């Protein structure tokens, strides 16, 4: 996978870093500012070369993630199927958490298809809401770093926790790898 394909978006929230777990142990791939966004003056366009040289999530950040959160907006049935497949021979590591926000109707369908049971057996928790957008979200005090695949979730988590919780952006596979271990 090329470096440029790991950069999800160039957004003004430079605190959110993309994480390719396999590469994160060697280097970080942060998201740069969009072209022309003022910092102390005009900013250059964010490029793959900029990403390779900028400071981002460290290997310790990835290892220290206390939670993976999916579903802001709600996950699709295809995403839940993928998540259940990722968790087939894994379980959430002790002290870590997996939260999934899921629409009530999708939950019933996923339950009938066996995905809910697979995810819950691995240690995942479902809610019928976008958990990261709930004011006073019950993110445990012990969690100070969350991985998510959603920029929306990252934004809300940062705002609702007033910055107490750091958030990193990664694809679902990398998020699951960071908080689980083999059965």
N, C-alpha and C. Protein backbone atom coordinates (compact mmCIF):
# COMPACT_ATOMS: atom_id res chain seq x y z
N UNK A 1 0.84 -1.16 0.00
CA UNK A 1 0.00 0.00 0.00
C UNK A 1 0.89 1.24 0.00
N UNK A 2 0.63 2.16 -0.89
CA UNK A 2 1.45 3.37 -0.95
C UNK A 2 1.09 4.30 0.19
N UNK A 3 2.00 5.17 0.53
CA UNK A 3 1.76 6.13 1.60
C UNK A 3 0.56 6.99 1.30
N UNK A 4 0.42 7.46 0.07
CA UNK A 4 -0.67 8.36 -0.25
C UNK A 4 -2.02 7.68 -0.10
N UNK A 5 -2.11 6.36 -0.25
CA UNK A 5 -3.40 5.69 -0.11
C UNK A 5 -3.80 5.55 1.36
N UNK A 6 -2.88 5.75 2.30
CA UNK A 6 -3.21 5.68 3.72
C UNK A 6 -3.72 7.01 4.24
N UNK A 7 -3.52 8.09 3.53
CA UNK A 7 -4.00 9.38 3.97
C UNK A 7 -5.47 9.46 3.56
N UNK A 8 -6.35 9.51 4.57
CA UNK A 8 -7.77 9.47 4.29
C UNK A 8 -8.30 10.79 3.75
N UNK A 9 -8.02 11.88 4.43
CA UNK A 9 -8.47 13.19 4.02
C UNK A 9 -7.47 14.20 4.53
N UNK A 10 -7.40 15.33 3.86
CA UNK A 10 -6.62 16.44 4.39
C UNK A 10 -7.65 17.38 5.01
N UNK A 11 -7.73 17.39 6.33
CA UNK A 11 -8.74 18.16 7.05
C UNK A 11 -8.07 19.12 8.02
N UNK A 12 -8.81 20.13 8.48
CA UNK A 12 -8.20 21.08 9.41
C UNK A 12 -7.90 20.48 10.78
N UNK A 13 -8.41 19.34 11.10
CA UNK A 13 -8.18 18.74 12.41
C UNK A 13 -6.88 17.96 12.39
N UNK A 14 -5.78 18.64 12.46
CA UNK A 14 -4.48 17.97 12.35
C UNK A 14 -4.22 17.05 13.52
N UNK A 15 -4.99 17.15 14.60
CA UNK A 15 -4.79 16.25 15.74
C UNK A 15 -5.22 14.82 15.43
N UNK A 16 -6.02 14.61 14.38
CA UNK A 16 -6.45 13.27 14.02
C UNK A 16 -5.45 12.71 13.03
N UNK A 17 -4.87 11.59 13.37
CA UNK A 17 -3.85 10.99 12.52
C UNK A 17 -4.37 9.70 11.92
N UNK A 18 -4.05 9.46 10.66
CA UNK A 18 -4.37 8.16 10.10
C UNK A 18 -3.35 7.16 10.61
N UNK A 19 -3.76 5.96 10.82
CA UNK A 19 -2.86 4.93 11.32
C UNK A 19 -3.02 3.67 10.48
N UNK A 20 -1.96 3.27 9.82
CA UNK A 20 -1.87 1.97 9.18
C UNK A 20 -1.08 1.15 10.19
N UNK A 21 -1.74 0.26 10.90
CA UNK A 21 -1.12 -0.40 12.04
C UNK A 21 0.21 -1.04 11.67
N UNK A 22 0.29 -1.69 10.52
CA UNK A 22 1.53 -2.35 10.14
C UNK A 22 2.66 -1.35 9.98
N UNK A 23 2.33 -0.16 9.49
CA UNK A 23 3.36 0.86 9.30
C UNK A 23 3.56 1.70 10.56
N UNK A 24 2.54 1.77 11.41
CA UNK A 24 2.62 2.63 12.59
C UNK A 24 3.73 2.19 13.54
N UNK A 25 4.03 0.92 13.54
CA UNK A 25 5.09 0.46 14.41
C UNK A 25 6.45 0.95 13.95
N UNK A 26 6.54 1.36 12.68
CA UNK A 26 7.80 1.88 12.16
C UNK A 26 7.76 3.40 11.97
N UNK A 27 6.59 3.91 11.57
CA UNK A 27 6.47 5.34 11.28
C UNK A 27 5.02 5.75 11.39
N UNK A 28 4.75 7.05 11.40
CA UNK A 28 3.38 7.56 11.49
C UNK A 28 2.99 8.21 10.18
N UNK A 29 1.72 8.16 9.86
CA UNK A 29 1.20 8.77 8.64
C UNK A 29 0.11 9.76 9.05
N UNK A 30 0.47 11.02 9.31
CA UNK A 30 -0.53 12.00 9.75
C UNK A 30 -1.28 12.62 8.59
N UNK A 31 -2.37 13.28 8.92
CA UNK A 31 -3.16 14.01 7.94
C UNK A 31 -2.68 15.45 7.97
N UNK A 32 -2.40 16.03 6.80
CA UNK A 32 -1.92 17.40 6.73
C UNK A 32 -3.07 18.39 6.59
N UNK A 33 -2.72 19.67 6.60
CA UNK A 33 -3.74 20.71 6.42
C UNK A 33 -4.10 20.81 4.95
N UNK A 34 -5.33 21.24 4.65
CA UNK A 34 -5.70 21.46 3.26
C UNK A 34 -4.91 22.63 2.68
N UNK A 35 -4.84 22.69 1.37
CA UNK A 35 -4.13 23.78 0.71
C UNK A 35 -4.69 25.12 1.14
N UNK A 36 -3.81 26.04 1.48
CA UNK A 36 -4.20 27.41 1.77
C UNK A 36 -4.80 27.65 3.14
N UNK A 37 -4.95 26.64 3.98
CA UNK A 37 -5.51 26.89 5.30
C UNK A 37 -4.52 27.68 6.12
N UNK A 38 -4.96 28.80 6.71
CA UNK A 38 -4.02 29.61 7.47
C UNK A 38 -3.63 28.95 8.78
N UNK A 39 -2.37 29.04 9.09
CA UNK A 39 -1.86 28.63 10.41
C UNK A 39 -1.26 29.91 10.95
N UNK A 40 -0.05 30.24 10.54
CA UNK A 40 0.51 31.56 10.81
C UNK A 40 0.72 32.25 9.46
N UNK A 41 0.22 31.63 8.44
CA UNK A 41 0.32 32.14 7.08
C UNK A 41 -0.19 31.08 6.14
N UNK A 42 -0.11 31.28 4.86
CA UNK A 42 -0.62 30.28 3.92
C UNK A 42 0.11 28.95 4.08
N UNK A 43 -0.64 27.88 4.02
CA UNK A 43 -0.06 26.55 4.17
C UNK A 43 0.09 25.90 2.81
N UNK A 44 1.15 25.15 2.62
CA UNK A 44 1.28 24.42 1.37
C UNK A 44 0.29 23.26 1.34
N UNK A 45 0.08 22.71 0.17
CA UNK A 45 -0.79 21.55 0.06
C UNK A 45 -0.16 20.38 0.81
N UNK A 46 -0.99 19.62 1.50
CA UNK A 46 -0.49 18.42 2.18
C UNK A 46 -0.22 17.36 1.12
N UNK A 47 0.95 16.79 1.18
CA UNK A 47 1.32 15.75 0.22
C UNK A 47 1.77 14.51 0.96
N UNK A 48 1.92 13.43 0.23
CA UNK A 48 2.43 12.21 0.83
C UNK A 48 3.82 12.44 1.42
N UNK A 49 4.64 13.26 0.75
CA UNK A 49 5.96 13.56 1.29
C UNK A 49 5.86 14.31 2.61
N UNK A 50 4.92 15.29 2.71
CA UNK A 50 4.71 16.00 3.96
C UNK A 50 4.33 15.02 5.05
N UNK A 51 3.45 14.09 4.73
CA UNK A 51 2.96 13.12 5.72
C UNK A 51 4.09 12.27 6.27
N UNK A 52 5.02 11.89 5.42
CA UNK A 52 6.12 11.04 5.87
C UNK A 52 7.05 11.77 6.85
N UNK A 53 7.12 13.10 6.74
CA UNK A 53 8.06 13.83 7.59
C UNK A 53 7.39 14.47 8.80
N UNK A 54 6.06 14.56 8.84
CA UNK A 54 5.38 15.20 9.96
C UNK A 54 5.32 14.26 11.16
N UNK A 55 5.15 14.83 12.35
CA UNK A 55 5.03 14.03 13.56
C UNK A 55 3.59 13.55 13.66
N UNK A 56 3.40 12.27 13.95
CA UNK A 56 2.05 11.72 14.06
C UNK A 56 1.97 10.70 15.16
N UNK A 57 1.03 9.80 15.05
CA UNK A 57 0.83 8.76 16.06
C UNK A 57 2.09 7.90 16.14
N UNK A 58 2.49 7.62 17.34
CA UNK A 58 3.67 6.78 17.54
C UNK A 58 3.24 5.33 17.71
N UNK A 59 4.20 4.43 17.68
CA UNK A 59 3.91 3.03 17.94
C UNK A 59 3.30 2.88 19.33
N UNK A 60 3.76 3.68 20.28
CA UNK A 60 3.20 3.63 21.64
C UNK A 60 1.73 4.06 21.64
N UNK A 61 1.39 5.08 20.83
CA UNK A 61 -0.01 5.50 20.72
C UNK A 61 -0.89 4.33 20.28
N UNK A 62 -0.43 3.62 19.27
CA UNK A 62 -1.22 2.50 18.75
C UNK A 62 -1.34 1.40 19.80
N UNK A 63 -0.24 1.06 20.43
CA UNK A 63 -0.29 0.02 21.47
C UNK A 63 -1.12 0.43 22.67
N UNK A 64 -1.16 1.73 22.96
CA UNK A 64 -1.86 2.23 24.14
C UNK A 64 -3.33 2.54 23.90
N UNK A 65 -3.82 2.33 22.70
CA UNK A 65 -5.24 2.61 22.43
C UNK A 65 -6.09 1.78 23.38
N UNK A 66 -6.99 2.45 24.08
CA UNK A 66 -7.84 1.76 25.03
C UNK A 66 -9.17 1.35 24.45
N UNK A 67 -9.48 1.87 23.26
CA UNK A 67 -10.80 1.60 22.70
C UNK A 67 -10.77 1.78 21.19
N UNK A 68 -11.60 0.98 20.52
CA UNK A 68 -11.93 1.21 19.12
C UNK A 68 -13.43 1.50 19.10
N UNK A 69 -13.82 2.53 18.38
CA UNK A 69 -15.21 2.94 18.33
C UNK A 69 -15.63 3.04 16.87
N UNK A 70 -16.71 2.36 16.53
CA UNK A 70 -17.24 2.39 15.17
C UNK A 70 -18.70 2.82 15.22
N UNK A 71 -19.13 3.51 14.19
CA UNK A 71 -20.55 3.79 14.07
C UNK A 71 -20.96 5.22 14.33
N UNK A 72 -20.31 6.15 13.76
CA UNK A 72 -20.73 7.54 13.81
C UNK A 72 -20.40 8.13 12.45
N UNK A 73 -21.29 7.99 11.48
CA UNK A 73 -22.68 7.51 11.58
C UNK A 73 -22.74 6.00 11.76
N UNK A 74 -23.97 5.51 11.90
CA UNK A 74 -24.17 4.08 12.13
C UNK A 74 -23.48 3.24 11.06
N UNK A 75 -23.01 2.05 11.46
CA UNK A 75 -22.40 1.12 10.52
C UNK A 75 -23.45 0.52 9.61
N UNK A 76 -23.04 0.16 8.41
CA UNK A 76 -23.90 -0.57 7.48
C UNK A 76 -23.82 -2.06 7.82
N UNK A 77 -24.72 -2.83 7.29
CA UNK A 77 -24.69 -4.28 7.51
C UNK A 77 -23.41 -4.89 6.93
N UNK A 78 -22.92 -4.33 5.83
CA UNK A 78 -21.66 -4.83 5.24
C UNK A 78 -20.47 -4.55 6.15
N UNK A 79 -20.46 -3.39 6.79
CA UNK A 79 -19.37 -3.08 7.72
C UNK A 79 -19.42 -3.99 8.95
N UNK A 80 -20.62 -4.30 9.41
CA UNK A 80 -20.76 -5.19 10.57
C UNK A 80 -20.33 -6.60 10.19
N UNK A 81 -20.66 -7.03 8.99
CA UNK A 81 -20.20 -8.35 8.52
C UNK A 81 -18.68 -8.38 8.50
N UNK A 82 -18.06 -7.32 7.99
CA UNK A 82 -16.60 -7.25 7.95
C UNK A 82 -16.02 -7.28 9.37
N UNK A 83 -16.61 -6.52 10.28
CA UNK A 83 -16.15 -6.50 11.67
C UNK A 83 -16.27 -7.88 12.30
N UNK A 84 -17.39 -8.55 12.09
CA UNK A 84 -17.57 -9.91 12.63
C UNK A 84 -16.50 -10.85 12.07
N UNK A 85 -16.17 -10.70 10.80
CA UNK A 85 -15.12 -11.53 10.19
C UNK A 85 -13.76 -11.25 10.81
N UNK A 86 -13.46 -9.97 11.07
CA UNK A 86 -12.18 -9.62 11.69
C UNK A 86 -12.06 -10.21 13.09
N UNK A 87 -13.18 -10.35 13.78
CA UNK A 87 -13.18 -10.82 15.16
C UNK A 87 -13.36 -12.33 15.28
N UNK A 88 -13.47 -13.04 14.16
CA UNK A 88 -13.79 -14.47 14.17
C UNK A 88 -12.86 -15.28 15.07
N UNK A 89 -11.59 -15.04 15.05
CA UNK A 89 -10.63 -15.80 15.86
C UNK A 89 -9.89 -14.90 16.85
N UNK A 90 -10.56 -13.82 17.28
CA UNK A 90 -9.92 -12.85 18.16
C UNK A 90 -10.86 -12.50 19.30
N UNK A 91 -10.32 -11.81 20.31
CA UNK A 91 -11.14 -11.25 21.37
C UNK A 91 -10.52 -9.93 21.82
N UNK A 92 -11.36 -9.08 22.38
CA UNK A 92 -10.89 -7.79 22.86
C UNK A 92 -9.93 -8.04 24.02
N UNK A 93 -8.77 -7.42 23.94
CA UNK A 93 -7.73 -7.59 24.97
C UNK A 93 -8.21 -7.06 26.32
N UNK A 94 -7.72 -7.65 27.40
CA UNK A 94 -8.07 -7.15 28.74
C UNK A 94 -7.75 -5.66 28.87
N UNK A 95 -8.68 -4.92 29.44
CA UNK A 95 -8.49 -3.49 29.64
C UNK A 95 -8.81 -2.64 28.43
N UNK A 96 -9.18 -3.25 27.30
CA UNK A 96 -9.51 -2.51 26.08
C UNK A 96 -11.01 -2.65 25.82
N UNK A 97 -11.53 -1.82 24.93
CA UNK A 97 -12.97 -1.84 24.64
C UNK A 97 -13.22 -1.71 23.15
N UNK A 98 -14.36 -2.28 22.74
CA UNK A 98 -14.84 -2.15 21.36
C UNK A 98 -16.30 -1.73 21.44
N UNK A 99 -16.60 -0.53 20.95
CA UNK A 99 -17.97 -0.02 20.95
C UNK A 99 -18.45 0.11 19.51
N UNK A 100 -19.70 -0.30 19.28
CA UNK A 100 -20.30 -0.26 17.95
C UNK A 100 -21.65 0.44 18.04
N UNK A 101 -21.80 1.55 17.32
CA UNK A 101 -23.08 2.25 17.22
C UNK A 101 -23.82 1.72 16.01
N UNK A 102 -25.05 1.33 16.24
CA UNK A 102 -25.76 0.59 15.21
C UNK A 102 -27.25 0.93 15.27
N UNK A 103 -27.85 1.17 14.13
CA UNK A 103 -29.29 1.44 14.09
C UNK A 103 -30.07 0.20 14.52
N UNK A 104 -31.15 0.44 15.22
CA UNK A 104 -31.99 -0.63 15.77
C UNK A 104 -32.39 -1.67 14.71
N UNK A 105 -32.79 -1.23 13.53
CA UNK A 105 -33.20 -2.15 12.47
C UNK A 105 -32.02 -2.98 11.96
N UNK A 106 -30.89 -2.35 11.82
CA UNK A 106 -29.69 -3.05 11.38
C UNK A 106 -29.24 -4.07 12.42
N UNK A 107 -29.41 -3.73 13.68
CA UNK A 107 -29.05 -4.64 14.76
C UNK A 107 -29.86 -5.93 14.64
N UNK A 108 -31.15 -5.80 14.41
CA UNK A 108 -32.02 -6.99 14.28
C UNK A 108 -31.56 -7.85 13.11
N UNK A 109 -31.25 -7.22 11.98
CA UNK A 109 -30.79 -7.96 10.81
C UNK A 109 -29.46 -8.65 11.11
N UNK A 110 -28.53 -7.92 11.70
CA UNK A 110 -27.21 -8.48 12.03
C UNK A 110 -27.35 -9.62 13.04
N UNK A 111 -28.30 -9.49 13.95
CA UNK A 111 -28.54 -10.54 14.93
C UNK A 111 -29.03 -11.82 14.24
N UNK A 112 -29.96 -11.67 13.31
CA UNK A 112 -30.47 -12.82 12.55
C UNK A 112 -29.38 -13.47 11.70
N UNK A 113 -28.42 -12.68 11.25
CA UNK A 113 -27.34 -13.20 10.41
C UNK A 113 -26.17 -13.75 11.23
N UNK A 114 -26.21 -13.61 12.55
CA UNK A 114 -25.17 -14.16 13.42
C UNK A 114 -24.01 -13.22 13.70
N UNK A 115 -24.03 -12.01 13.14
CA UNK A 115 -22.90 -11.08 13.32
C UNK A 115 -22.85 -10.52 14.74
N UNK A 116 -24.01 -10.23 15.30
CA UNK A 116 -24.05 -9.66 16.65
C UNK A 116 -23.42 -10.62 17.64
N UNK A 117 -23.79 -11.88 17.56
CA UNK A 117 -23.24 -12.87 18.49
C UNK A 117 -21.73 -12.97 18.36
N UNK A 118 -21.23 -12.96 17.14
CA UNK A 118 -19.77 -13.03 16.93
C UNK A 118 -19.05 -11.85 17.55
N UNK A 119 -19.60 -10.67 17.36
CA UNK A 119 -18.96 -9.45 17.87
C UNK A 119 -19.06 -9.40 19.39
N UNK A 120 -20.20 -9.75 19.93
CA UNK A 120 -20.36 -9.74 21.39
C UNK A 120 -19.50 -10.82 22.05
N UNK A 121 -19.39 -11.99 21.43
CA UNK A 121 -18.55 -13.05 21.99
C UNK A 121 -17.08 -12.62 22.03
N UNK A 122 -16.69 -11.79 21.09
CA UNK A 122 -15.31 -11.29 21.06
C UNK A 122 -15.09 -10.15 22.05
N UNK A 123 -16.18 -9.65 22.66
CA UNK A 123 -16.05 -8.59 23.65
C UNK A 123 -16.57 -7.23 23.21
N UNK A 124 -17.21 -7.16 22.04
CA UNK A 124 -17.76 -5.89 21.57
C UNK A 124 -19.08 -5.56 22.24
N UNK A 125 -19.40 -4.27 22.27
CA UNK A 125 -20.63 -3.76 22.87
C UNK A 125 -21.38 -2.94 21.83
N UNK A 126 -22.68 -3.20 21.70
CA UNK A 126 -23.52 -2.46 20.76
C UNK A 126 -24.35 -1.41 21.47
N UNK A 127 -24.65 -0.33 20.77
CA UNK A 127 -25.59 0.68 21.25
C UNK A 127 -26.41 1.15 20.07
N UNK A 128 -27.63 1.53 20.35
CA UNK A 128 -28.52 2.00 19.30
C UNK A 128 -28.38 3.52 19.17
N UNK A 129 -27.16 3.96 19.04
CA UNK A 129 -26.87 5.40 18.94
C UNK A 129 -25.45 5.58 18.42
N UNK A 130 -25.16 6.79 17.98
CA UNK A 130 -23.77 7.15 17.67
C UNK A 130 -23.13 7.49 19.00
N UNK A 131 -22.49 6.53 19.62
CA UNK A 131 -22.01 6.70 21.00
C UNK A 131 -21.05 7.85 21.17
N UNK A 132 -20.30 8.15 20.13
CA UNK A 132 -19.32 9.23 20.28
C UNK A 132 -19.99 10.59 20.27
N UNK A 133 -21.27 10.67 19.89
CA UNK A 133 -21.95 11.95 19.83
C UNK A 133 -22.89 12.18 21.01
N UNK A 134 -22.93 11.26 21.96
CA UNK A 134 -23.79 11.40 23.12
C UNK A 134 -23.12 12.37 24.10
N UNK A 135 -23.80 13.48 24.44
CA UNK A 135 -23.19 14.38 25.44
C UNK A 135 -22.92 13.60 26.72
N UNK A 136 -21.85 13.94 27.36
CA UNK A 136 -21.41 13.23 28.57
C UNK A 136 -21.23 11.75 28.29
N UNK A 137 -20.70 11.44 27.10
CA UNK A 137 -20.46 10.05 26.70
C UNK A 137 -19.73 9.32 27.82
N UNK A 138 -20.15 8.11 28.11
CA UNK A 138 -19.57 7.38 29.23
C UNK A 138 -18.22 6.73 28.91
N UNK A 139 -17.35 7.47 28.27
CA UNK A 139 -16.03 6.93 27.96
C UNK A 139 -15.29 6.79 29.29
N UNK A 140 -14.88 5.59 29.63
CA UNK A 140 -14.23 5.38 30.92
C UNK A 140 -13.00 6.27 31.10
N UNK A 141 -12.78 6.68 32.34
CA UNK A 141 -11.64 7.54 32.66
C UNK A 141 -10.31 6.89 32.29
N UNK A 142 -10.26 5.56 32.29
CA UNK A 142 -9.01 4.86 31.98
C UNK A 142 -8.65 4.94 30.50
N UNK A 143 -9.60 5.33 29.66
CA UNK A 143 -9.36 5.42 28.21
C UNK A 143 -8.91 6.83 27.87
N UNK A 144 -7.69 6.93 27.34
CA UNK A 144 -7.21 8.25 26.91
C UNK A 144 -6.86 8.30 25.44
N UNK A 145 -7.04 7.17 24.73
CA UNK A 145 -6.79 7.12 23.30
C UNK A 145 -7.78 6.18 22.65
N UNK A 146 -8.50 6.70 21.65
CA UNK A 146 -9.51 5.93 20.92
C UNK A 146 -9.11 5.89 19.45
N UNK A 147 -9.24 4.73 18.85
CA UNK A 147 -9.09 4.58 17.40
C UNK A 147 -10.47 4.46 16.79
N UNK A 148 -10.68 5.12 15.66
CA UNK A 148 -11.95 5.05 14.94
C UNK A 148 -11.67 5.22 13.45
N UNK A 149 -12.62 4.80 12.63
CA UNK A 149 -12.48 5.03 11.20
C UNK A 149 -13.29 6.26 10.77
N UNK A 150 -13.86 6.97 11.72
CA UNK A 150 -14.79 8.06 11.44
C UNK A 150 -14.26 9.42 11.88
N UNK A 151 -14.12 10.34 10.93
CA UNK A 151 -13.72 11.70 11.29
C UNK A 151 -14.81 12.37 12.12
N UNK A 152 -16.07 12.04 11.84
CA UNK A 152 -17.17 12.60 12.63
C UNK A 152 -17.04 12.16 14.08
N UNK A 153 -16.79 10.87 14.30
CA UNK A 153 -16.60 10.37 15.66
C UNK A 153 -15.41 11.06 16.32
N UNK A 154 -14.32 11.18 15.60
CA UNK A 154 -13.13 11.82 16.14
C UNK A 154 -13.43 13.24 16.59
N UNK A 155 -14.16 13.96 15.78
CA UNK A 155 -14.52 15.35 16.10
C UNK A 155 -15.36 15.39 17.38
N UNK A 156 -16.41 14.60 17.43
CA UNK A 156 -17.31 14.63 18.60
C UNK A 156 -16.61 14.15 19.87
N UNK A 157 -15.84 13.09 19.76
CA UNK A 157 -15.14 12.59 20.95
C UNK A 157 -14.22 13.67 21.52
N UNK A 158 -13.46 14.32 20.65
CA UNK A 158 -12.55 15.37 21.10
C UNK A 158 -13.30 16.52 21.76
N UNK A 159 -14.40 16.92 21.16
CA UNK A 159 -15.17 18.05 21.70
C UNK A 159 -15.88 17.67 23.00
N UNK A 160 -16.54 16.52 23.00
CA UNK A 160 -17.33 16.13 24.18
C UNK A 160 -16.47 15.78 25.39
N UNK A 161 -15.25 15.32 25.14
CA UNK A 161 -14.36 15.00 26.27
C UNK A 161 -13.43 16.18 26.57
N UNK A 162 -13.66 17.29 25.88
CA UNK A 162 -12.85 18.51 26.08
C UNK A 162 -11.35 18.23 25.95
N UNK A 163 -11.02 17.32 25.03
CA UNK A 163 -9.62 17.01 24.74
C UNK A 163 -8.99 16.01 25.68
N UNK A 164 -9.72 15.52 26.69
CA UNK A 164 -9.16 14.53 27.62
C UNK A 164 -8.77 13.26 26.88
N UNK A 165 -9.54 12.91 25.84
CA UNK A 165 -9.30 11.68 25.09
C UNK A 165 -8.68 12.05 23.74
N UNK A 166 -7.54 11.43 23.44
CA UNK A 166 -6.93 11.60 22.11
C UNK A 166 -7.62 10.64 21.16
N UNK A 167 -7.71 11.03 19.89
CA UNK A 167 -8.39 10.21 18.89
C UNK A 167 -7.49 10.08 17.68
N UNK A 168 -7.41 8.89 17.12
CA UNK A 168 -6.66 8.64 15.90
C UNK A 168 -7.57 7.95 14.90
N UNK A 169 -7.38 8.28 13.64
CA UNK A 169 -8.16 7.71 12.54
C UNK A 169 -7.39 6.54 11.95
N UNK A 170 -8.08 5.42 11.76
CA UNK A 170 -7.48 4.25 11.13
C UNK A 170 -8.59 3.47 10.44
N UNK A 171 -8.23 2.60 9.53
CA UNK A 171 -9.27 1.76 8.94
C UNK A 171 -9.69 0.71 9.97
N UNK A 172 -10.82 0.06 9.70
CA UNK A 172 -11.39 -0.87 10.66
C UNK A 172 -10.42 -1.98 11.03
N UNK A 173 -9.72 -2.50 10.05
CA UNK A 173 -8.77 -3.60 10.30
C UNK A 173 -7.70 -3.18 11.31
N UNK A 174 -7.14 -1.99 11.13
CA UNK A 174 -6.08 -1.52 12.03
C UNK A 174 -6.63 -1.25 13.43
N UNK A 175 -7.85 -0.71 13.51
CA UNK A 175 -8.47 -0.46 14.82
C UNK A 175 -8.65 -1.78 15.57
N UNK A 176 -9.15 -2.79 14.88
CA UNK A 176 -9.40 -4.08 15.51
C UNK A 176 -8.07 -4.72 15.93
N UNK A 177 -7.07 -4.65 15.08
CA UNK A 177 -5.76 -5.21 15.41
C UNK A 177 -5.19 -4.59 16.67
N UNK A 178 -5.42 -3.29 16.85
CA UNK A 178 -4.84 -2.57 17.99
C UNK A 178 -5.45 -2.95 19.33
N UNK A 179 -6.72 -3.41 19.34
CA UNK A 179 -7.37 -3.66 20.63
C UNK A 179 -7.70 -5.13 20.87
N UNK A 180 -7.28 -6.01 19.97
CA UNK A 180 -7.62 -7.43 20.14
C UNK A 180 -6.37 -8.29 20.16
N UNK A 181 -6.60 -9.55 20.52
CA UNK A 181 -5.54 -10.55 20.47
C UNK A 181 -6.18 -11.87 20.02
N UNK A 182 -5.37 -12.79 19.52
CA UNK A 182 -5.92 -14.08 19.05
C UNK A 182 -6.53 -14.86 20.21
N UNK A 183 -7.55 -15.67 19.89
CA UNK A 183 -8.15 -16.55 20.89
C UNK A 183 -7.16 -17.59 21.34
